[in-house]
C-alpha atoms as a PDB file:
ATOM      1  CA  GLY A   1      79.486 156.660 136.385  1.00  0.00           C
ATOM      2  CA  VAL A   2      75.692 155.435 136.479  1.00  0.00           C
ATOM      3  CA  ILE A   3      74.830 157.867 139.267  1.00  0.00           C
ATOM      4  CA  ILE A   4      76.267 160.634 137.188  1.00  0.00           C
ATOM      5  CA  GLU A   5      74.381 159.727 134.182  1.00  0.00           C
ATOM      6  CA  LYS A   6      71.068 159.092 135.777  1.00  0.00           C
ATOM      7  CA  THR A   7      70.680 161.458 138.872  1.00  0.00           C
ATOM      8  CA  ARG A   8      68.157 164.216 138.498  1.00  0.00           C
ATOM      9  CA  ARG A   9      70.440 166.820 140.443  1.00  0.00           C
ATOM     10  CA  TRP A  10      73.689 167.910 139.229  1.00  0.00           C
ATOM     11  CA  PRO A  11      76.605 165.819 140.584  1.00  0.00           C
ATOM     12  CA  LEU A  12      79.315 167.227 143.085  1.00  0.00           C
ATOM     13  CA  MET A  13      81.892 164.697 143.349  1.00  0.00           C
ATOM     14  CA  ILE A  14      84.469 164.500 146.134  1.00  0.00           C
ATOM     15  CA  ASP A  15      87.551 163.801 144.387  1.00  0.00           C
ATOM     16  CA  PRO A  16      90.682 164.010 146.394  1.00  0.00           C
ATOM     17  CA  GLN A  17      92.703 161.922 144.027  1.00  0.00           C
ATOM     18  CA  THR A  18      91.220 163.703 141.003  1.00  0.00           C
ATOM     19  CA  GLN A  19      89.859 160.145 139.610  1.00  0.00           C
ATOM     20  CA  ALA A  20      86.674 161.824 138.943  1.00  0.00           C
ATOM     21  CA  ASN A  21      88.131 164.566 137.107  1.00  0.00           C
ATOM     22  CA  LYS A  22      90.033 162.206 134.630  1.00  0.00           C
ATOM     23  CA  PHE A  23      86.814 160.183 134.211  1.00  0.00           C
ATOM     24  CA  ILE A  24      84.667 163.243 133.342  1.00  0.00           C
ATOM     25  CA  LYS A  25      87.138 164.707 131.055  1.00  0.00           C
ATOM     26  CA  ASN A  26      87.409 161.380 129.161  1.00  0.00           C
ATOM     27  CA  LEU A  27      83.663 161.358 128.887  1.00  0.00           C
ATOM     28  CA  GLY A  28      83.639 165.091 127.772  1.00  0.00           C
ATOM     29  CA  ARG A  29      85.956 164.579 125.013  1.00  0.00           C
ATOM     30  CA  ASP A  30      83.346 162.407 123.222  1.00  0.00           C
ATOM     31  CA  ASN A  31      80.427 164.970 123.689  1.00  0.00           C
ATOM     32  CA  GLU A  32      79.144 166.278 120.405  1.00  0.00           C
ATOM     33  CA  SER A  33      77.718 169.426 121.932  1.00  0.00           C
ATOM     34  CA  GLY A  34      81.277 170.482 123.278  1.00  0.00           C
ATOM     35  CA  PHE A  35      82.914 170.404 126.794  1.00  0.00           C
ATOM     36  CA  GLN A  36      84.621 173.044 128.889  1.00  0.00           C
ATOM     37  CA  VAL A  37      86.382 173.068 132.251  1.00  0.00           C
ATOM     38  CA  GLN A  38      86.360 176.182 134.773  1.00  0.00           C
ATOM     39  CA  LYS A  39      87.638 176.875 138.284  1.00  0.00           C
ATOM     40  CA  ALA A  40      85.276 177.501 140.847  1.00  0.00           C
ATOM     41  CA  SER A  41      87.393 180.598 142.001  1.00  0.00           C
ATOM     42  CA  ASP A  42      87.110 181.855 138.147  1.00  0.00           C
ATOM     43  CA  GLY A  43      85.606 185.499 138.533  1.00  0.00           C
ATOM     44  CA  ASN A  44      83.859 184.912 135.179  1.00  0.00           C
ATOM     45  CA  LEU A  45      82.279 181.681 136.187  1.00  0.00           C
ATOM     46  CA  LEU A  46      78.682 182.663 135.860  1.00  0.00           C
ATOM     47  CA  LYS A  47      79.301 184.114 132.319  1.00  0.00           C
ATOM     48  CA  GLN A  48      80.882 180.626 131.300  1.00  0.00           C
ATOM     49  CA  ILE A  49      78.197 178.783 132.660  1.00  0.00           C
ATOM     50  CA  GLU A  50      75.578 181.064 130.579  1.00  0.00           C
ATOM     51  CA  TYR A  51      77.764 180.487 127.553  1.00  0.00           C
ATOM     52  CA  ALA A  52      77.461 176.497 128.076  1.00  0.00           C
ATOM     53  CA  ILE A  53      73.738 176.509 128.565  1.00  0.00           C
ATOM     54  CA  GLN A  54      73.255 178.540 125.352  1.00  0.00           C
ATOM     55  CA  TYR A  55      75.393 175.927 123.302  1.00  0.00           C
ATOM     56  CA  GLY A  56      74.068 172.954 125.234  1.00  0.00           C
ATOM     57  CA  LYS A  57      77.787 172.038 126.430  1.00  0.00           C
ATOM     58  CA  TRP A  58      78.854 169.922 129.321  1.00  0.00           C
ATOM     59  CA  ILE A  59      80.881 172.260 131.872  1.00  0.00           C
ATOM     60  CA  LEU A  60      83.041 170.923 134.820  1.00  0.00           C
ATOM     61  CA  ILE A  61      83.601 173.137 137.614  1.00  0.00           C
ATOM     62  CA  GLU A  62      86.806 172.015 139.391  1.00  0.00           C
ATOM     63  CA  ASN A  63      87.838 172.974 143.001  1.00  0.00           C
ATOM     64  CA  VAL A  64      84.412 173.705 144.504  1.00  0.00           C
ATOM     65  CA  GLY A  65      84.632 174.338 148.270  1.00  0.00           C
ATOM     66  CA  THR A  66      82.305 173.828 151.111  1.00  0.00           C
ATOM     67  CA  GLU A  67      79.930 176.805 150.030  1.00  0.00           C
ATOM     68  CA  LEU A  68      78.314 176.931 146.471  1.00  0.00           C
ATOM     69  CA  ASP A  69      77.715 180.626 145.132  1.00  0.00           C
ATOM     70  CA  PRO A  70      74.027 181.707 145.481  1.00  0.00           C
ATOM     71  CA  ALA A  71      74.089 182.889 142.010  1.00  0.00           C
ATOM     72  CA  LEU A  72      74.265 179.442 140.741  1.00  0.00           C
ATOM     73  CA  GLU A  73      70.921 178.467 142.472  1.00  0.00           C
ATOM     74  CA  PRO A  74      68.746 178.726 139.495  1.00  0.00           C
ATOM     75  CA  VAL A  75      71.211 176.355 137.474  1.00  0.00           C
ATOM     76  CA  LEU A  76      71.516 173.918 140.452  1.00  0.00           C
ATOM     77  CA  LEU A  77      68.032 173.749 141.003  1.00  0.00           C
ATOM     78  CA  GLN A  78      67.204 173.725 137.280  1.00  0.00           C
ATOM     79  CA  GLN A  79      64.640 176.317 137.447  1.00  0.00           C
ATOM     80  CA  THR A  80      63.488 176.210 133.802  1.00  0.00           C
ATOM     81  CA  PHE A  81      60.121 177.375 132.584  1.00  0.00           C
ATOM     82  CA  LYS A  82      58.330 177.189 129.063  1.00  0.00           C
ATOM     83  CA  GLN A  83      58.063 180.114 127.108  1.00  0.00           C
ATOM     84  CA  GLY A  84      56.839 180.024 123.393  1.00  0.00           C
ATOM     85  CA  GLY A  85      57.264 176.267 123.471  1.00  0.00           C
ATOM     86  CA  ASN A  86      60.877 176.674 124.646  1.00  0.00           C
ATOM     87  CA  THR A  87      62.568 175.393 127.696  1.00  0.00           C
ATOM     88  CA  MET A  88      64.057 178.601 129.261  1.00  0.00           C
ATOM     89  CA  ILE A  89      66.143 179.454 132.390  1.00  0.00           C
ATOM     90  CA  THR A  90      66.901 182.837 134.213  1.00  0.00           C
ATOM     91  CA  ILE A  91      70.191 183.586 135.029  1.00  0.00           C
ATOM     92  CA  GLY A  92      70.690 187.007 136.684  1.00  0.00           C
ATOM     93  CA  ASP A  93      68.386 189.440 134.816  1.00  0.00           C
ATOM     94  CA  LYS A  94      68.738 187.490 131.527  1.00  0.00           C
ATOM     95  CA  SER A  95      66.536 184.454 130.098  1.00  0.00           C
ATOM     96  CA  ILE A  96      67.964 182.179 127.592  1.00  0.00           C
ATOM     97  CA  LEU A  97      67.237 178.978 125.963  1.00  0.00           C
ATOM     98  CA  TYR A  98      67.960 175.859 128.085  1.00  0.00           C
ATOM     99  CA  PRO A  99      68.929 172.729 125.485  1.00  0.00           C
ATOM    100  CA  GLU A 100      68.519 169.208 126.840  1.00  0.00           C
ATOM    101  CA  THR A 101      72.316 168.555 125.981  1.00  0.00           C
ATOM    102  CA  PHE A 102      73.483 170.887 128.656  1.00  0.00           C
ATOM    103  CA  LYS A 103      75.143 169.088 131.855  1.00  0.00           C
ATOM    104  CA  LEU A 104      76.903 170.527 134.820  1.00  0.00           C
ATOM    105  CA  LEU A 105      79.473 168.678 136.962  1.00  0.00           C
ATOM    106  CA  MET A 106      81.442 169.729 139.801  1.00  0.00           C
ATOM    107  CA  THR A 107      84.298 168.175 141.784  1.00  0.00           C
ATOM    108  CA  THR A 108      86.216 169.045 144.955  1.00  0.00           C
ATOM    109  CA  THR A 109      89.474 167.710 145.907  1.00  0.00           C
ATOM    110  CA  LEU A 110      88.666 168.242 149.626  1.00  0.00           C
ATOM    111  CA  PRO A 111      89.080 164.921 151.324  1.00  0.00           C
ATOM    112  CA  ASN A 112      86.374 165.161 153.779  1.00  0.00           C
ATOM    113  CA  PRO A 113      84.099 168.280 153.149  1.00  0.00           C
ATOM    114  CA  HIS A 114      81.435 169.240 155.402  1.00  0.00           C
ATOM    115  CA  TYR A 115      78.459 170.601 153.237  1.00  0.00           C
ATOM    116  CA  PRO A 116      75.276 172.111 155.020  1.00  0.00           C
ATOM    117  CA  PRO A 117      71.890 170.231 154.663  1.00  0.00           C
ATOM    118  CA  GLU A 118      70.739 172.592 151.999  1.00  0.00           C
ATOM    119  CA  THR A 119      73.549 171.568 149.581  1.00  0.00           C
ATOM    120  CA  PHE A 120      72.567 167.956 149.764  1.00  0.00           C
ATOM    121  CA  VAL A 121      68.997 169.505 148.684  1.00  0.00           C
ATOM    122  CA  LYS A 122      70.457 171.297 145.499  1.00  0.00           C
ATOM    123  CA  VAL A 123      73.104 168.451 144.245  1.00  0.00           C
ATOM    124  CA  THR A 124      73.900 164.770 144.371  1.00  0.00           C
ATOM    125  CA  ILE A 125      76.978 164.391 146.295  1.00  0.00           C
ATOM    126  CA  ILE A 126      79.212 161.330 145.003  1.00  0.00           C
ATOM    127  CA  ASN A 127      82.051 160.247 146.806  1.00  0.00           C
ATOM    128  CA  PHE A 128      84.992 159.166 144.437  1.00  0.00           C
ATOM    129  CA  ALA A 129      87.511 158.959 147.020  1.00  0.00           C
ATOM    130  CA  ILE A 130      89.402 155.882 146.719  1.00  0.00           C
ATOM    131  CA  THR A 131      89.576 152.988 148.918  1.00  0.00           C
ATOM    132  CA  PRO A 132      92.238 150.624 149.942  1.00  0.00           C
ATOM    133  CA  LYS A 133      90.635 147.810 147.971  1.00  0.00           C
ATOM    134  CA  GLY A 134      90.024 149.909 144.984  1.00  0.00           C
ATOM    135  CA  LEU A 135      93.303 151.022 144.637  1.00  0.00           C
ATOM    136  CA  GLU A 136      94.647 147.489 144.969  1.00  0.00           C
ATOM    137  CA  GLU A 137      92.619 146.447 141.916  1.00  0.00           C
ATOM    138  CA  GLN A 138      94.150 149.613 140.087  1.00  0.00           C
ATOM    139  CA  MET A 139      97.603 148.760 141.159  1.00  0.00           C
ATOM    140  CA  LEU A 140      97.065 144.936 140.133  1.00  0.00           C
ATOM    141  CA  ALA A 141      95.968 146.066 136.602  1.00  0.00           C
ATOM    142  CA  GLN A 142      99.022 148.304 136.351  1.00  0.00           C
ATOM    143  CA  ILE A 143     101.534 145.779 137.422  1.00  0.00           C
ATOM    144  CA  VAL A 144     100.159 143.161 135.054  1.00  0.00           C
ATOM    145  CA  ALA A 145      99.924 145.823 132.305  1.00  0.00           C
ATOM    146  CA  LEU A 146     103.746 146.559 132.928  1.00  0.00           C
ATOM    147  CA  GLU A 147     104.947 142.998 133.754  1.00  0.00           C
ATOM    148  CA  ASN A 148     102.679 140.877 131.201  1.00  0.00           C
ATOM    149  CA  PRO A 149     101.197 143.418 128.783  1.00  0.00           C
ATOM    150  CA  GLN A 150      99.799 140.671 126.729  1.00  0.00           C
ATOM    151  CA  LEU A 151      98.096 139.014 129.575  1.00  0.00           C
ATOM    152  CA  GLU A 152      96.429 142.308 130.807  1.00  0.00           C
ATOM    153  CA  GLN A 153      95.221 143.190 127.130  1.00  0.00           C
ATOM    154  CA  LYS A 154      93.496 139.761 126.965  1.00  0.00           C
ATOM    155  CA  LYS A 155      91.710 140.570 130.149  1.00  0.00           C
ATOM    156  CA  ILE A 156      90.594 144.052 128.746  1.00  0.00           C
ATOM    157  CA  GLU A 157      89.308 142.355 125.595  1.00  0.00           C
ATOM    158  CA  ILE A 158      87.428 139.680 127.263  1.00  0.00           C
ATOM    159  CA  VAL A 159      85.849 142.107 129.666  1.00  0.00           C
ATOM    160  CA  LYS A 160      84.818 144.273 126.482  1.00  0.00           C
ATOM    161  CA  LYS A 161      83.541 141.001 124.652  1.00  0.00           C
ATOM    162  CA  ASN A 162      81.518 139.862 127.564  1.00  0.00           C
ATOM    163  CA  ALA A 163      79.718 143.329 127.822  1.00  0.00           C
ATOM    164  CA  GLU A 164      78.991 143.401 123.978  1.00  0.00           C
ATOM    165  CA  ASP A 165      77.573 139.701 124.451  1.00  0.00           C
ATOM    166  CA  ARG A 166      75.215 140.663 127.148  1.00  0.00           C
ATOM    167  CA  ARG A 167      74.388 143.674 125.307  1.00  0.00           C
ATOM    168  CA  GLN A 168      73.181 141.580 122.259  1.00  0.00           C
ATOM    169  CA  LEU A 169      71.321 139.043 124.641  1.00  0.00           C
ATOM    170  CA  GLN A 170      69.468 141.896 125.962  1.00  0.00           C
ATOM    171  CA  GLN A 171      68.633 143.286 122.518  1.00  0.00           C
ATOM    172  CA  LEU A 172      67.444 139.838 121.542  1.00  0.00           C
ATOM    173  CA  GLU A 173      64.881 139.466 124.559  1.00  0.00           C
ATOM    174  CA  ASP A 174      63.633 143.216 123.754  1.00  0.00           C
ATOM    175  CA  SER A 175      63.230 142.136 120.107  1.00  0.00           C
ATOM    176  CA  ILE A 176      61.124 138.831 121.074  1.00  0.00           C
ATOM    177  CA  LEU A 177      59.063 140.676 123.668  1.00  0.00           C
ATOM    178  CA  LYS A 178      58.199 143.446 121.044  1.00  0.00           C
ATOM    179  CA  SER A 179      57.327 141.019 118.610  1.00  0.00           C
ATOM    180  CA  LEU A 180      54.972 139.055 120.731  1.00  0.00           C
ATOM    181  CA  SER A 181      53.270 142.114 121.890  1.00  0.00           C
ATOM    182  CA  GLU A 182      52.667 143.340 118.220  1.00  0.00           C
ATOM    183  CA  SER A 183      51.365 139.956 117.213  1.00  0.00           C
ATOM    184  CA  LYS A 184      47.711 139.559 116.433  1.00  0.00           C
ATOM    185  CA  GLY A 185      45.783 136.521 116.584  1.00  0.00           C
ATOM    186  CA  ASP A 186      47.282 133.250 117.089  1.00  0.00           C
ATOM    187  CA  PHE A 187      51.227 133.859 117.070  1.00  0.00           C
ATOM    188  CA  LEU A 188      51.559 129.949 116.402  1.00  0.00           C
ATOM    189  CA  MET A 189      50.449 130.809 112.702  1.00  0.00           C
ATOM    190  CA  ASP A 190      52.643 133.701 112.447  1.00  0.00           C
ATOM    191  CA  GLU A 191      55.420 132.316 110.200  1.00  0.00           C
ATOM    192  CA  LYS A 192      57.554 135.403 110.518  1.00  0.00           C
ATOM    193  CA  LEU A 193      57.561 135.523 114.112  1.00  0.00           C
ATOM    194  CA  ILE A 194      58.386 131.943 114.500  1.00  0.00           C
ATOM    195  CA  ASN A 195      61.320 132.156 111.995  1.00  0.00           C
ATOM    196  CA  GLN A 196      62.468 135.198 114.155  1.00  0.00           C
ATOM    197  CA  LEU A 197      62.149 133.139 117.338  1.00  0.00           C
ATOM    198  CA  LYS A 198      64.144 130.371 115.876  1.00  0.00           C
ATOM    199  CA  ASN A 199      66.883 132.612 114.763  1.00  0.00           C
ATOM    200  CA  SER A 200      66.915 134.543 118.364  1.00  0.00           C
ATOM    201  CA  LYS A 201      67.232 131.219 119.772  1.00  0.00           C
ATOM    202  CA  LYS A 202      70.218 130.201 117.808  1.00  0.00           C
ATOM    203  CA  MET A 203      72.026 133.241 118.164  1.00  0.00           C
ATOM    204  CA  SER A 204      71.255 133.078 122.318  1.00  0.00           C
ATOM    205  CA  ILE A 205      72.724 129.600 122.181  1.00  0.00           C
ATOM    206  CA  ASP A 206      75.793 130.899 120.288  1.00  0.00           C
ATOM    207  CA  ILE A 207      76.326 133.931 122.552  1.00  0.00           C
ATOM    208  CA  ASN A 208      75.691 131.888 125.817  1.00  0.00           C
ATOM    209  CA  GLN A 209      78.390 129.440 124.701  1.00  0.00           C
ATOM    210  CA  ARG A 210      80.779 132.276 123.859  1.00  0.00           C
ATOM    211  CA  VAL A 211      79.863 133.693 127.465  1.00  0.00           C
ATOM    212  CA  ALA A 212      80.629 130.455 128.880  1.00  0.00           C
ATOM    213  CA  ASP A 213      83.945 129.978 126.740  1.00  0.00           C
ATOM    214  CA  SER A 214      85.049 133.578 127.745  1.00  0.00           C
ATOM    215  CA  LYS A 215      84.352 132.650 131.510  1.00  0.00           C
ATOM    216  CA  VAL A 216      86.702 129.881 131.464  1.00  0.00           C
ATOM    217  CA  THR A 217      89.344 131.943 129.863  1.00  0.00           C
ATOM    218  CA  GLU A 218      88.810 134.933 132.129  1.00  0.00           C
ATOM    219  CA  GLU A 219      89.217 132.600 135.163  1.00  0.00           C
ATOM    220  CA  GLN A 220      92.516 131.364 133.711  1.00  0.00           C
ATOM    221  CA  ILE A 221      93.755 134.951 133.196  1.00  0.00           C
ATOM    222  CA  ASP A 222      92.630 136.044 136.767  1.00  0.00           C
ATOM    223  CA  GLN A 223      94.372 133.231 138.197  1.00  0.00           C
ATOM    224  CA  ALA A 224      97.671 134.253 136.269  1.00  0.00           C
ATOM    225  CA  ARG A 225      97.041 137.802 137.385  1.00  0.00           C
ATOM    226  CA  GLU A 226      96.874 136.790 141.134  1.00  0.00           C
ATOM    227  CA  ALA A 227     100.470 136.252 141.130  1.00  0.00           C
ATOM    228  CA  TYR A 228     101.011 139.929 141.329  1.00  0.00           C
ATOM    229  CA  ARG A 229      98.398 140.494 144.136  1.00  0.00           C
ATOM    230  CA  PRO A 230     101.176 140.909 146.716  1.00  0.00           C
ATOM    231  CA  VAL A 231     102.893 143.730 145.076  1.00  0.00           C
ATOM    232  CA  ALA A 232      99.304 145.495 144.247  1.00  0.00           C
ATOM    233  CA  TYR A 233      98.583 144.932 147.924  1.00  0.00           C
ATOM    234  CA  ARG A 234     101.727 146.213 149.433  1.00  0.00           C
ATOM    235  CA  SER A 235     101.424 149.488 147.114  1.00  0.00           C
ATOM    236  CA  SER A 236      97.808 150.188 148.084  1.00  0.00           C
ATOM    237  CA  ARG A 237      98.676 150.103 151.893  1.00  0.00           C
ATOM    238  CA  LEU A 238     101.744 151.906 151.243  1.00  0.00           C
ATOM    239  CA  PHE A 239      99.712 154.706 149.262  1.00  0.00           C
ATOM    240  CA  PHE A 240      97.308 155.330 152.559  1.00  0.00           C
ATOM    241  CA  CYS A 241     100.185 155.362 154.957  1.00  0.00           C
ATOM    242  CA  ILE A 242     101.847 158.223 152.853  1.00  0.00           C
ATOM    243  CA  LEU A 243      98.379 160.049 152.958  1.00  0.00           C
ATOM    244  CA  ASP A 244      98.465 159.814 156.827  1.00  0.00           C
ATOM    245  CA  LEU A 245     101.956 161.518 156.833  1.00  0.00           C
ATOM    246  CA  ALA A 246     100.047 164.735 155.846  1.00  0.00           C
ATOM    247  CA  GLY A 247      98.714 164.919 159.221  1.00  0.00           C
ATOM    248  CA  ILE A 248     102.383 165.090 160.734  1.00  0.00           C
ATOM    249  CA  ASP A 249     103.460 167.818 158.390  1.00  0.00           C
ATOM    250  CA  PRO A 250     101.635 169.500 155.412  1.00  0.00           C
ATOM    251  CA  MET A 251     104.938 169.017 153.548  1.00  0.00           C
ATOM    252  CA  TYR A 252     104.105 165.447 153.084  1.00  0.00           C
ATOM    253  CA  GLN A 253     101.134 165.699 150.783  1.00  0.00           C
ATOM    254  CA  TYR A 254     101.140 163.570 147.648  1.00  0.00           C
ATOM    255  CA  SER A 255      98.675 163.055 144.862  1.00  0.00           C
ATOM    256  CA  LEU A 256      97.609 159.580 143.580  1.00  0.00           C
ATOM    257  CA  GLN A 257      99.337 160.605 140.205  1.00  0.00           C
ATOM    258  CA  TRP A 258     102.609 161.085 141.815  1.00  0.00           C
ATOM    259  CA  PHE A 259     102.336 157.777 143.694  1.00  0.00           C
ATOM    260  CA  THR A 260     101.261 156.028 140.222  1.00  0.00           C
ATOM    261  CA  ASN A 261     104.504 157.419 138.514  1.00  0.00           C
ATOM    262  CA  LEU A 262     106.669 156.463 141.560  1.00  0.00           C
ATOM    263  CA  PHE A 263     105.010 153.109 141.243  1.00  0.00           C
ATOM    264  CA  THR A 264     105.750 152.874 137.305  1.00  0.00           C
ATOM    265  CA  LEU A 265     109.431 153.878 138.057  1.00  0.00           C
ATOM    266  CA  GLY A 266     109.843 151.189 140.879  1.00  0.00           C
ATOM    267  CA  VAL A 267     108.654 148.410 138.404  1.00  0.00           C
ATOM    268  CA  GLU A 268     111.273 149.816 135.642  1.00  0.00           C
ATOM    269  CA  ASN A 269     114.148 150.047 138.310  1.00  0.00           C
ATOM    270  CA  ALA A 270     113.574 146.945 140.470  1.00  0.00           C
ATOM    271  CA  PRO A 271     116.128 144.219 140.030  1.00  0.00           C
ATOM    272  CA  PRO A 272     114.974 141.837 137.135  1.00  0.00           C
ATOM    273  CA  SER A 273     114.423 137.966 137.590  1.00  0.00           C
ATOM    274  CA  THR A 274     113.159 135.387 135.258  1.00  0.00           C
ATOM    275  CA  GLN A 275     111.820 133.896 138.439  1.00  0.00           C
ATOM    276  CA  LEU A 276     108.314 135.245 139.149  1.00  0.00           C
ATOM    277  CA  ASP A 277     108.619 134.824 143.159  1.00  0.00           C
ATOM    278  CA  VAL A 278     112.088 136.634 143.095  1.00  0.00           C
ATOM    279  CA  ARG A 279     110.820 139.219 140.737  1.00  0.00           C
ATOM    280  CA  LEU A 280     107.746 140.033 142.994  1.00  0.00           C
ATOM    281  CA  LYS A 281     110.243 140.058 146.065  1.00  0.00           C
ATOM    282  CA  ASN A 282     112.390 142.530 144.165  1.00  0.00           C
ATOM    283  CA  LEU A 283     109.398 144.542 143.316  1.00  0.00           C
ATOM    284  CA  ASN A 284     108.110 144.699 146.987  1.00  0.00           C
ATOM    285  CA  GLU A 285     111.443 145.616 148.496  1.00  0.00           C
ATOM    286  CA  TYR A 286     112.419 148.451 146.082  1.00  0.00           C
ATOM    287  CA  PHE A 287     108.985 149.871 146.008  1.00  0.00           C
ATOM    288  CA  THR A 288     109.021 150.003 149.919  1.00  0.00           C
ATOM    289  CA  GLU A 289     112.171 151.613 150.190  1.00  0.00           C
ATOM    290  CA  GLU A 290     111.992 154.080 147.097  1.00  0.00           C
ATOM    291  CA  PRO A 291     109.480 156.340 149.197  1.00  0.00           C
ATOM    292  CA  GLU A 292     111.683 156.193 152.316  1.00  0.00           C
ATOM    293  CA  ARG A 293     114.624 157.751 150.252  1.00  0.00           C
ATOM    294  CA  ILE A 294     112.496 160.170 148.746  1.00  0.00           C
ATOM    295  CA  PHE A 295     111.211 161.321 152.236  1.00  0.00           C
ATOM    296  CA  HIS A 296     114.602 161.332 153.586  1.00  0.00           C
ATOM    297  CA  LEU A 297     115.763 163.846 150.853  1.00  0.00           C
ATOM    298  CA  LEU A 298     112.663 165.968 151.614  1.00  0.00           C
ATOM    299  CA  THR A 299     113.329 166.289 155.411  1.00  0.00           C
ATOM    300  CA  VAL A 300     117.141 167.090 154.723  1.00  0.00           C
ATOM    301  CA  ARG A 301     115.821 169.807 152.375  1.00  0.00           C
ATOM    302  CA  LYS A 302     113.291 171.154 154.827  1.00  0.00           C
ATOM    303  CA  ARG A 303     115.964 171.357 157.597  1.00  0.00           C
ATOM    304  CA  MET A 304     118.215 173.171 155.340  1.00  0.00           C
ATOM    305  CA  GLN A 305     115.291 175.742 154.500  1.00  0.00           C
ATOM    306  CA  ILE A 306     114.752 176.118 158.461  1.00  0.00           C
ATOM    307  CA  THR A 307     118.447 176.525 159.041  1.00  0.00           C
ATOM    308  CA  LEU A 308     118.717 179.249 156.475  1.00  0.00           C
ATOM    309  CA  ARG A 309     115.678 181.177 157.780  1.00  0.00           C
ATOM    310  CA  THR A 310     116.842 181.141 161.188  1.00  0.00           C
ATOM    311  CA  SER A 311     120.347 182.025 160.323  1.00  0.00           C
END
């Protein structure tokens, strides 16, 4: 997310599980200038990019292949120029205004694309492909949210609160440094500055105390969440095993969204128990067996299709 925000070149995200797509679309909904999504195969793509530039919109181009359209080069390289005090860009044979609010983002679902060196000069390649550890953390958050929603909500609230407290501390530090730099003469005689430093110190103590208290609470919550770690670990490993099945037969291609939905169904349908260790055992067993049943049905269906074709 930080790279997307700070990079000088437009980002091209390797996104086989569509994680980046969802992230960008969530960000785009809050963009005041507007947000639009286009497919790389759209024959009217260049016109849509021109429209997005004119109105200073964000535009997300999905399903980018291994080659970028040469017609996009002026936009990718941000070949702008000044004309009459305005920033302009030429697309095709037309020069248009280039607002600062415009942003171009691209994603590809190819799991391991091979881009030529010149592509790396034009865009910033960001790998959003999920890792086993990353998926394990996602599954842990999901299982806790399903099994103990209050606990997960507390975790989210503490994370947000800690982020806000750190932001306030940074603002205090910036304010103190600004006041000191603007102070003239002996700052020890500046009553306004001294009062500000006293108030800042008091606020800093209060914030640090809240952060310390939150840390204790967060550790307790994390300890409770860790009980569900075996289920998250098993589901993460299972997903990557399922991904590898595509190497055996293209029929076995499944998205993370499909797997997440299957995981939710597993939590809902696994035998309940008031004892946590028994419940975790039931979850692991049910969730391991459910994909096997689905693959069996798919295999039977494919055999029937082959039989019908050959008969």
